[in-house]
């Protein structure tokens, strides 16, 4: 459902950004964070502070533009 792909900024900031660069990540693991028990805070989504963030038609929710349009 489209609604599931839309997040408030607060919800987005609690999710991991696949473009985040993390020191100590294994280069062969494709920068995956599988060995962390808790995600480093600087690897989370920046929401509207990111150039890929797109606002949805509902002004209080948006989505990551890198993942394509959820409509």
C-alpha atoms as a PDB file:
ATOM      1  CA  UNK A   1       0.000   0.000   0.000  1.00  0.00           C
ATOM      2  CA  UNK A   2       1.288   3.465  -0.839  1.00  0.00           C
ATOM      3  CA  UNK A   3       0.602   4.806   2.634  1.00  0.00           C
ATOM      4  CA  UNK A   4       3.119   2.289   4.089  1.00  0.00           C
ATOM      5  CA  UNK A   5       5.922   3.824   2.019  1.00  0.00           C
ATOM      6  CA  UNK A   6       5.258   7.351   3.231  1.00  0.00           C
ATOM      7  CA  UNK A   7       6.846   8.483   6.466  1.00  0.00           C
ATOM      8  CA  UNK A   8       6.801  11.496   8.699  1.00  0.00           C
ATOM      9  CA  UNK A   9      10.199  13.118   9.132  1.00  0.00           C
ATOM     10  CA  UNK A  10      10.442  11.654  12.629  1.00  0.00           C
ATOM     11  CA  UNK A  11       9.743   8.136  11.328  1.00  0.00           C
ATOM     12  CA  UNK A  12      12.236   8.543   8.493  1.00  0.00           C
ATOM     13  CA  UNK A  13      14.996   9.677  10.843  1.00  0.00           C
ATOM     14  CA  UNK A  14      14.690   6.362  12.683  1.00  0.00           C
ATOM     15  CA  UNK A  15      15.455   4.313   9.563  1.00  0.00           C
ATOM     16  CA  UNK A  16      18.808   3.420   8.054  1.00  0.00           C
ATOM     17  CA  UNK A  17      19.950   5.190   4.905  1.00  0.00           C
ATOM     18  CA  UNK A  18      21.499   2.758   2.383  1.00  0.00           C
ATOM     19  CA  UNK A  19      23.732   5.572   1.122  1.00  0.00           C
ATOM     20  CA  UNK A  20      25.214   6.220   4.576  1.00  0.00           C
ATOM     21  CA  UNK A  21      28.972   5.816   4.849  1.00  0.00           C
ATOM     22  CA  UNK A  22      30.033   4.193   8.091  1.00  0.00           C
ATOM     23  CA  UNK A  23      33.588   3.975   9.354  1.00  0.00           C
ATOM     24  CA  UNK A  24      34.504   0.433  10.221  1.00  0.00           C
ATOM     25  CA  UNK A  25      32.056  -1.243   7.871  1.00  0.00           C
ATOM     26  CA  UNK A  26      33.561  -4.122   5.948  1.00  0.00           C
ATOM     27  CA  UNK A  27      34.283  -3.014   2.363  1.00  0.00           C
ATOM     28  CA  UNK A  28      33.419  -6.489   1.094  1.00  0.00           C
ATOM     29  CA  UNK A  29      30.047  -6.350   2.828  1.00  0.00           C
ATOM     30  CA  UNK A  30      28.892  -3.529   0.549  1.00  0.00           C
ATOM     31  CA  UNK A  31      28.751  -1.117   3.504  1.00  0.00           C
ATOM     32  CA  UNK A  32      26.067  -3.243   5.159  1.00  0.00           C
ATOM     33  CA  UNK A  33      25.765  -2.808   8.890  1.00  0.00           C
ATOM     34  CA  UNK A  34      25.110  -6.433   9.791  1.00  0.00           C
ATOM     35  CA  UNK A  35      27.757  -6.490  12.522  1.00  0.00           C
ATOM     36  CA  UNK A  36      26.322  -3.551  14.490  1.00  0.00           C
ATOM     37  CA  UNK A  37      23.938  -4.297  17.352  1.00  0.00           C
ATOM     38  CA  UNK A  38      22.601  -0.757  17.075  1.00  0.00           C
ATOM     39  CA  UNK A  39      22.861   1.460  14.022  1.00  0.00           C
ATOM     40  CA  UNK A  40      25.212   4.411  14.378  1.00  0.00           C
ATOM     41  CA  UNK A  41      23.054   7.536  14.611  1.00  0.00           C
ATOM     42  CA  UNK A  42      24.834   9.218  11.704  1.00  0.00           C
ATOM     43  CA  UNK A  43      23.745   6.387   9.382  1.00  0.00           C
ATOM     44  CA  UNK A  44      20.051   7.244   9.667  1.00  0.00           C
ATOM     45  CA  UNK A  45      17.911   9.013   7.117  1.00  0.00           C
ATOM     46  CA  UNK A  46      18.215  12.808   7.115  1.00  0.00           C
ATOM     47  CA  UNK A  47      14.636  13.249   5.884  1.00  0.00           C
ATOM     48  CA  UNK A  48      14.073  16.762   4.479  1.00  0.00           C
ATOM     49  CA  UNK A  49      17.749  17.631   4.979  1.00  0.00           C
ATOM     50  CA  UNK A  50      18.636  15.133   2.241  1.00  0.00           C
ATOM     51  CA  UNK A  51      18.522  16.119  -1.434  1.00  0.00           C
ATOM     52  CA  UNK A  52      16.764  12.830  -2.257  1.00  0.00           C
ATOM     53  CA  UNK A  53      13.841  13.500   0.146  1.00  0.00           C
ATOM     54  CA  UNK A  54      10.538  14.098  -1.624  1.00  0.00           C
ATOM     55  CA  UNK A  55       7.391  15.445  -0.045  1.00  0.00           C
ATOM     56  CA  UNK A  56       4.209  13.523  -0.737  1.00  0.00           C
ATOM     57  CA  UNK A  57       0.953  15.163  -1.709  1.00  0.00           C
ATOM     58  CA  UNK A  58       0.112  15.092   1.992  1.00  0.00           C
ATOM     59  CA  UNK A  59       2.318  17.836   3.381  1.00  0.00           C
ATOM     60  CA  UNK A  60       3.171  15.969   6.593  1.00  0.00           C
ATOM     61  CA  UNK A  61       4.700  12.878   4.926  1.00  0.00           C
ATOM     62  CA  UNK A  62       7.408  12.125   2.420  1.00  0.00           C
ATOM     63  CA  UNK A  63       9.635   9.388   1.007  1.00  0.00           C
ATOM     64  CA  UNK A  64      13.145   8.654  -0.214  1.00  0.00           C
ATOM     65  CA  UNK A  65      13.417   9.696  -3.849  1.00  0.00           C
ATOM     66  CA  UNK A  66      16.276   7.210  -4.362  1.00  0.00           C
ATOM     67  CA  UNK A  67      13.743   4.395  -4.028  1.00  0.00           C
ATOM     68  CA  UNK A  68      11.449   5.789  -6.716  1.00  0.00           C
ATOM     69  CA  UNK A  69       8.005   7.252  -6.522  1.00  0.00           C
ATOM     70  CA  UNK A  70       5.602   5.220  -4.365  1.00  0.00           C
ATOM     71  CA  UNK A  71       2.594   6.381  -6.402  1.00  0.00           C
END
